[in-house]
């Protein structure tokens, strides 16, 4: 399964959900869905924007862990 560690990176960079959503031009509701791991997919353009704002790599946000799906 894929684990989304967006909340960890946001805390490290001291950025709120609303602020990040504004900077990457998506709604806070959609960012919240991504942050909680409930999203079924993520666009590369969104992932790229998140990485640019948070100054990180995709692997800092997404993690693969073997095991059953939620």
PDB file of N, CA and C in Angstrom:
ATOM      1  N   UNK A   1       0.834  -1.180   0.000  1.00  0.00           N
ATOM      2  CA  UNK A   1       0.000   0.000   0.000  1.00  0.00           C
ATOM      3  C   UNK A   1       0.878   1.242   0.000  1.00  0.00           C
ATOM      4  N   UNK A   2       0.315   2.316  -0.453  1.00  0.00           N
ATOM      5  CA  UNK A   2       1.023   3.597  -0.498  1.00  0.00           C
ATOM      6  C   UNK A   2       0.620   4.421   0.723  1.00  0.00           C
ATOM      7  N   UNK A   3       1.602   4.876   1.468  1.00  0.00           N
ATOM      8  CA  UNK A   3       1.385   5.735   2.634  1.00  0.00           C
ATOM      9  C   UNK A   3       1.705   7.172   2.217  1.00  0.00           C
ATOM     10  N   UNK A   4       0.812   8.087   2.547  1.00  0.00           N
ATOM     11  CA  UNK A   4       1.019   9.502   2.230  1.00  0.00           C
ATOM     12  C   UNK A   4       1.535  10.209   3.484  1.00  0.00           C
ATOM     13  N   UNK A   5       2.751  10.722   3.410  1.00  0.00           N
ATOM     14  CA  UNK A   5       3.390  11.409   4.538  1.00  0.00           C
ATOM     15  C   UNK A   5       3.372  12.925   4.365  1.00  0.00           C
ATOM     16  N   UNK A   6       2.356  13.424   3.693  1.00  0.00           N
ATOM     17  CA  UNK A   6       2.267  14.855   3.421  1.00  0.00           C
ATOM     18  C   UNK A   6       2.181  15.665   4.711  1.00  0.00           C
ATOM     19  N   UNK A   7       1.442  15.153   5.689  1.00  0.00           N
ATOM     20  CA  UNK A   7       1.305  15.880   6.959  1.00  0.00           C
ATOM     21  C   UNK A   7       2.646  16.051   7.661  1.00  0.00           C
ATOM     22  N   UNK A   8       3.514  15.052   7.549  1.00  0.00           N
ATOM     23  CA  UNK A   8       4.846  15.120   8.167  1.00  0.00           C
ATOM     24  C   UNK A   8       5.683  16.208   7.492  1.00  0.00           C
ATOM     25  N   UNK A   9       5.667  16.221   6.149  1.00  0.00           N
ATOM     26  CA  UNK A   9       6.445  17.239   5.423  1.00  0.00           C
ATOM     27  C   UNK A   9       5.891  18.636   5.669  1.00  0.00           C
ATOM     28  N   UNK A  10       4.570  18.749   5.766  1.00  0.00           N
ATOM     29  CA  UNK A  10       3.968  20.057   6.041  1.00  0.00           C
ATOM     30  C   UNK A  10       4.387  20.552   7.421  1.00  0.00           C
ATOM     31  N   UNK A  11       4.426  19.662   8.391  1.00  0.00           N
ATOM     32  CA  UNK A  11       4.840  20.044   9.747  1.00  0.00           C
ATOM     33  C   UNK A  11       6.311  20.463   9.757  1.00  0.00           C
ATOM     34  N   UNK A  12       7.151  19.719   9.031  1.00  0.00           N
ATOM     35  CA  UNK A  12       8.582  20.060   8.970  1.00  0.00           C
ATOM     36  C   UNK A  12       8.810  21.434   8.341  1.00  0.00           C
ATOM     37  N   UNK A  13       7.979  21.765   7.364  1.00  0.00           N
ATOM     38  CA  UNK A  13       8.123  23.047   6.669  1.00  0.00           C
ATOM     39  C   UNK A  13       7.268  24.149   7.294  1.00  0.00           C
ATOM     40  N   UNK A  14       6.536  23.782   8.351  1.00  0.00           N
ATOM     41  CA  UNK A  14       5.687  24.747   9.076  1.00  0.00           C
ATOM     42  C   UNK A  14       4.728  25.473   8.128  1.00  0.00           C
ATOM     43  N   UNK A  15       3.986  24.696   7.351  1.00  0.00           N
ATOM     44  CA  UNK A  15       3.024  25.258   6.409  1.00  0.00           C
ATOM     45  C   UNK A  15       1.652  24.633   6.670  1.00  0.00           C
ATOM     46  N   UNK A  16       0.640  25.454   6.638  1.00  0.00           N
ATOM     47  CA  UNK A  16      -0.720  24.966   6.893  1.00  0.00           C
ATOM     48  C   UNK A  16      -1.323  24.380   5.621  1.00  0.00           C
ATOM     49  N   UNK A  17      -2.385  23.617   5.809  1.00  0.00           N
ATOM     50  CA  UNK A  17      -3.090  23.030   4.684  1.00  0.00           C
ATOM     51  C   UNK A  17      -3.626  24.119   3.759  1.00  0.00           C
ATOM     52  N   UNK A  18      -4.203  25.148   4.326  1.00  0.00           N
ATOM     53  CA  UNK A  18      -4.751  26.242   3.525  1.00  0.00           C
ATOM     54  C   UNK A  18      -3.686  26.969   2.733  1.00  0.00           C
ATOM     55  N   UNK A  19      -2.550  27.210   3.366  1.00  0.00           N
ATOM     56  CA  UNK A  19      -1.451  27.911   2.695  1.00  0.00           C
ATOM     57  C   UNK A  19      -0.881  27.073   1.550  1.00  0.00           C
ATOM     58  N   UNK A  20      -0.678  25.778   1.803  1.00  0.00           N
ATOM     59  CA  UNK A  20      -0.153  24.903   0.751  1.00  0.00           C
ATOM     60  C   UNK A  20      -1.152  24.796  -0.399  1.00  0.00           C
ATOM     61  N   UNK A  21      -2.425  24.638  -0.068  1.00  0.00           N
ATOM     62  CA  UNK A  21      -3.460  24.539  -1.108  1.00  0.00           C
ATOM     63  C   UNK A  21      -3.451  25.775  -2.001  1.00  0.00           C
ATOM     64  N   UNK A  22      -3.330  26.938  -1.388  1.00  0.00           N
ATOM     65  CA  UNK A  22      -3.301  28.188  -2.156  1.00  0.00           C
ATOM     66  C   UNK A  22      -2.076  28.243  -3.064  1.00  0.00           C
ATOM     67  N   UNK A  23      -0.921  27.835  -2.540  1.00  0.00           N
ATOM     68  CA  UNK A  23       0.320  27.916  -3.315  1.00  0.00           C
ATOM     69  C   UNK A  23       0.353  26.937  -4.482  1.00  0.00           C
ATOM     70  N   UNK A  24      -0.329  25.788  -4.349  1.00  0.00           N
ATOM     71  CA  UNK A  24      -0.320  24.808  -5.444  1.00  0.00           C
ATOM     72  C   UNK A  24      -1.603  24.861  -6.265  1.00  0.00           C
ATOM     73  N   UNK A  25      -2.476  25.803  -5.910  1.00  0.00           N
ATOM     74  CA  UNK A  25      -3.690  26.079  -6.682  1.00  0.00           C
ATOM     75  C   UNK A  25      -4.661  24.899  -6.754  1.00  0.00           C
ATOM     76  N   UNK A  26      -4.924  24.270  -5.591  1.00  0.00           N
ATOM     77  CA  UNK A  26      -6.014  23.308  -5.492  1.00  0.00           C
ATOM     78  C   UNK A  26      -6.833  23.666  -4.255  1.00  0.00           C
ATOM     79  N   UNK A  27      -8.018  23.111  -4.158  1.00  0.00           N
ATOM     80  CA  UNK A  27      -8.874  23.447  -3.022  1.00  0.00           C
ATOM     81  C   UNK A  27      -8.348  22.778  -1.756  1.00  0.00           C
ATOM     82  N   UNK A  28      -8.553  23.403  -0.602  1.00  0.00           N
ATOM     83  CA  UNK A  28      -8.163  22.764   0.658  1.00  0.00           C
ATOM     84  C   UNK A  28      -8.835  21.401   0.834  1.00  0.00           C
ATOM     85  N   UNK A  29     -10.069  21.256   0.351  1.00  0.00           N
ATOM     86  CA  UNK A  29     -10.775  19.969   0.462  1.00  0.00           C
ATOM     87  C   UNK A  29     -10.047  18.878  -0.321  1.00  0.00           C
ATOM     88  N   UNK A  30      -9.608  19.189  -1.537  1.00  0.00           N
ATOM     89  CA  UNK A  30      -8.881  18.199  -2.341  1.00  0.00           C
ATOM     90  C   UNK A  30      -7.517  17.888  -1.742  1.00  0.00           C
ATOM     91  N   UNK A  31      -6.851  18.880  -1.201  1.00  0.00           N
ATOM     92  CA  UNK A  31      -5.562  18.637  -0.555  1.00  0.00           C
ATOM     93  C   UNK A  31      -5.752  17.778   0.689  1.00  0.00           C
ATOM     94  N   UNK A  32      -6.825  18.002   1.417  1.00  0.00           N
ATOM     95  CA  UNK A  32      -7.126  17.206   2.602  1.00  0.00           C
ATOM     96  C   UNK A  32      -7.342  15.738   2.236  1.00  0.00           C
ATOM     97  N   UNK A  33      -8.041  15.489   1.133  1.00  0.00           N
ATOM     98  CA  UNK A  33      -8.255  14.115   0.659  1.00  0.00           C
ATOM     99  C   UNK A  33      -6.918  13.456   0.349  1.00  0.00           C
ATOM    100  N   UNK A  34      -6.023  14.181  -0.277  1.00  0.00           N
ATOM    101  CA  UNK A  34      -4.693  13.655  -0.578  1.00  0.00           C
ATOM    102  C   UNK A  34      -3.906  13.417   0.707  1.00  0.00           C
ATOM    103  N   UNK A  35      -3.948  14.374   1.615  1.00  0.00           N
ATOM    104  CA  UNK A  35      -3.183  14.301   2.861  1.00  0.00           C
ATOM    105  C   UNK A  35      -3.600  13.113   3.724  1.00  0.00           C
ATOM    106  N   UNK A  36      -4.887  12.799   3.726  1.00  0.00           N
ATOM    107  CA  UNK A  36      -5.382  11.701   4.560  1.00  0.00           C
ATOM    108  C   UNK A  36      -5.241  10.338   3.891  1.00  0.00           C
ATOM    109  N   UNK A  37      -4.725  10.320   2.660  1.00  0.00           N
ATOM    110  CA  UNK A  37      -4.514   9.056   1.971  1.00  0.00           C
ATOM    111  C   UNK A  37      -5.768   8.497   1.323  1.00  0.00           C
ATOM    112  N   UNK A  38      -6.812   9.295   1.218  1.00  0.00           N
ATOM    113  CA  UNK A  38      -8.077   8.827   0.642  1.00  0.00           C
ATOM    114  C   UNK A  38      -8.159   9.033  -0.865  1.00  0.00           C
ATOM    115  N   UNK A  39      -7.186   9.710  -1.438  1.00  0.00           N
ATOM    116  CA  UNK A  39      -7.188   9.959  -2.885  1.00  0.00           C
ATOM    117  C   UNK A  39      -6.885   8.660  -3.626  1.00  0.00           C
ATOM    118  N   UNK A  40      -7.550   8.464  -4.746  1.00  0.00           N
ATOM    119  CA  UNK A  40      -7.315   7.278  -5.580  1.00  0.00           C
ATOM    120  C   UNK A  40      -6.149   7.502  -6.540  1.00  0.00           C
ATOM    121  N   UNK A  41      -5.854   8.766  -6.827  1.00  0.00           N
ATOM    122  CA  UNK A  41      -4.782   9.101  -7.764  1.00  0.00           C
ATOM    123  C   UNK A  41      -4.290  10.508  -7.463  1.00  0.00           C
ATOM    124  N   UNK A  42      -3.105  10.802  -7.968  1.00  0.00           N
ATOM    125  CA  UNK A  42      -2.572  12.160  -7.846  1.00  0.00           C
ATOM    126  C   UNK A  42      -1.913  12.517  -9.179  1.00  0.00           C
ATOM    127  N   UNK A  43      -2.196  13.693  -9.671  1.00  0.00           N
ATOM    128  CA  UNK A  43      -1.583  14.141 -10.924  1.00  0.00           C
ATOM    129  C   UNK A  43      -0.113  14.461 -10.683  1.00  0.00           C
ATOM    130  N   UNK A  44       0.698  14.167 -11.683  1.00  0.00           N
ATOM    131  CA  UNK A  44       2.118  14.503 -11.576  1.00  0.00           C
ATOM    132  C   UNK A  44       2.301  16.002 -11.410  1.00  0.00           C
ATOM    133  N   UNK A  45       1.455  16.791 -12.048  1.00  0.00           N
ATOM    134  CA  UNK A  45       1.579  18.248 -11.922  1.00  0.00           C
ATOM    135  C   UNK A  45       1.315  18.699 -10.483  1.00  0.00           C
ATOM    136  N   UNK A  46       0.376  18.042  -9.809  1.00  0.00           N
ATOM    137  CA  UNK A  46       0.094  18.359  -8.402  1.00  0.00           C
ATOM    138  C   UNK A  46       1.258  17.922  -7.526  1.00  0.00           C
ATOM    139  N   UNK A  47       1.762  16.719  -7.762  1.00  0.00           N
ATOM    140  CA  UNK A  47       2.900  16.213  -6.993  1.00  0.00           C
ATOM    141  C   UNK A  47       4.122  17.106  -7.194  1.00  0.00           C
ATOM    142  N   UNK A  48       4.345  17.534  -8.422  1.00  0.00           N
ATOM    143  CA  UNK A  48       5.471  18.425  -8.719  1.00  0.00           C
ATOM    144  C   UNK A  48       5.328  19.753  -7.979  1.00  0.00           C
ATOM    145  N   UNK A  49       4.120  20.308  -7.973  1.00  0.00           N
ATOM    146  CA  UNK A  49       3.880  21.581  -7.287  1.00  0.00           C
ATOM    147  C   UNK A  49       4.096  21.445  -5.784  1.00  0.00           C
ATOM    148  N   UNK A  50       3.630  20.338  -5.212  1.00  0.00           N
ATOM    149  CA  UNK A  50       3.821  20.093  -3.773  1.00  0.00           C
ATOM    150  C   UNK A  50       5.313  20.010  -3.461  1.00  0.00           C
ATOM    151  N   UNK A  51       6.044  19.246  -4.264  1.00  0.00           N
ATOM    152  CA  UNK A  51       7.487  19.094  -4.039  1.00  0.00           C
ATOM    153  C   UNK A  51       8.218  20.426  -4.170  1.00  0.00           C
ATOM    154  N   UNK A  52       7.796  21.247  -5.114  1.00  0.00           N
ATOM    155  CA  UNK A  52       8.433  22.555  -5.305  1.00  0.00           C
ATOM    156  C   UNK A  52       8.214  23.440  -4.086  1.00  0.00           C
ATOM    157  N   UNK A  53       6.972  23.514  -3.605  1.00  0.00           N
ATOM    158  CA  UNK A  53       6.651  24.374  -2.461  1.00  0.00           C
ATOM    159  C   UNK A  53       7.303  23.856  -1.178  1.00  0.00           C
ATOM    160  N   UNK A  54       7.283  22.529  -0.984  1.00  0.00           N
ATOM    161  CA  UNK A  54       7.837  21.958   0.249  1.00  0.00           C
ATOM    162  C   UNK A  54       9.336  21.677   0.148  1.00  0.00           C
ATOM    163  N   UNK A  55       9.930  21.919  -1.032  1.00  0.00           N
ATOM    164  CA  UNK A  55      11.356  21.672  -1.258  1.00  0.00           C
ATOM    165  C   UNK A  55      11.723  20.249  -0.847  1.00  0.00           C
ATOM    166  N   UNK A  56      11.049  19.285  -1.493  1.00  0.00           N
ATOM    167  CA  UNK A  56      11.285  17.882  -1.161  1.00  0.00           C
ATOM    168  C   UNK A  56      11.178  17.029  -2.421  1.00  0.00           C
ATOM    169  N   UNK A  57      11.392  15.743  -2.266  1.00  0.00           N
ATOM    170  CA  UNK A  57      11.279  14.775  -3.347  1.00  0.00           C
ATOM    171  C   UNK A  57       9.967  14.001  -3.194  1.00  0.00           C
ATOM    172  N   UNK A  58       9.438  13.419  -4.286  1.00  0.00           N
ATOM    173  CA  UNK A  58       8.205  12.633  -4.177  1.00  0.00           C
ATOM    174  C   UNK A  58       8.295  11.527  -3.120  1.00  0.00           C
ATOM    175  N   UNK A  59       9.466  10.934  -2.979  1.00  0.00           N
ATOM    176  CA  UNK A  59       9.661   9.879  -1.983  1.00  0.00           C
ATOM    177  C   UNK A  59       9.573  10.369  -0.548  1.00  0.00           C
ATOM    178  N   UNK A  60       9.685  11.676  -0.347  1.00  0.00           N
ATOM    179  CA  UNK A  60       9.508  12.237   0.995  1.00  0.00           C
ATOM    180  C   UNK A  60       8.028  12.284   1.367  1.00  0.00           C
ATOM    181  N   UNK A  61       7.169  12.268   0.358  1.00  0.00           N
ATOM    182  CA  UNK A  61       5.727  12.382   0.568  1.00  0.00           C
ATOM    183  C   UNK A  61       5.030  11.032   0.453  1.00  0.00           C
ATOM    184  N   UNK A  62       5.474  10.217  -0.505  1.00  0.00           N
ATOM    185  CA  UNK A  62       4.848   8.925  -0.764  1.00  0.00           C
ATOM    186  C   UNK A  62       5.786   7.798  -0.373  1.00  0.00           C
ATOM    187  N   UNK A  63       5.220   6.779   0.273  1.00  0.00           N
ATOM    188  CA  UNK A  63       6.019   5.647   0.741  1.00  0.00           C
ATOM    189  C   UNK A  63       5.265   4.358   0.436  1.00  0.00           C
ATOM    190  N   UNK A  64       5.966   3.376  -0.141  1.00  0.00           N
ATOM    191  CA  UNK A  64       5.353   2.078  -0.411  1.00  0.00           C
ATOM    192  C   UNK A  64       5.672   1.128   0.729  1.00  0.00           C
ATOM    193  N   UNK A  65       4.626   0.499   1.268  1.00  0.00           N
ATOM    194  CA  UNK A  65       4.791  -0.484   2.334  1.00  0.00           C
ATOM    195  C   UNK A  65       4.047  -1.741   1.911  1.00  0.00           C
ATOM    196  N   UNK A  66       4.740  -2.879   1.922  1.00  0.00           N
ATOM    197  CA  UNK A  66       4.067  -4.128   1.571  1.00  0.00           C
ATOM    198  C   UNK A  66       3.031  -4.458   2.618  1.00  0.00           C
ATOM    199  N   UNK A  67       1.910  -4.936   2.170  1.00  0.00           N
ATOM    200  CA  UNK A  67       0.846  -5.297   3.097  1.00  0.00           C
ATOM    201  C   UNK A  67      -0.501  -5.135   2.441  1.00  0.00           C
ATOM    202  N   UNK A  68      -1.517  -5.441   3.210  1.00  0.00           N
ATOM    203  CA  UNK A  68      -2.883  -5.375   2.697  1.00  0.00           C
ATOM    204  C   UNK A  68      -3.326  -3.940   2.513  1.00  0.00           C
ATOM    205  N   UNK A  69      -4.187  -3.767   1.529  1.00  0.00           N
ATOM    206  CA  UNK A  69      -4.780  -2.451   1.300  1.00  0.00           C
ATOM    207  C   UNK A  69      -5.742  -2.141   2.426  1.00  0.00           C
ATOM    208  N   UNK A  70      -5.920  -0.843   2.681  1.00  0.00           N
ATOM    209  CA  UNK A  70      -6.868  -0.434   3.719  1.00  0.00           C
ATOM    210  C   UNK A  70      -8.279  -0.671   3.260  1.00  0.00           C
TER     211      UNK A  70
END
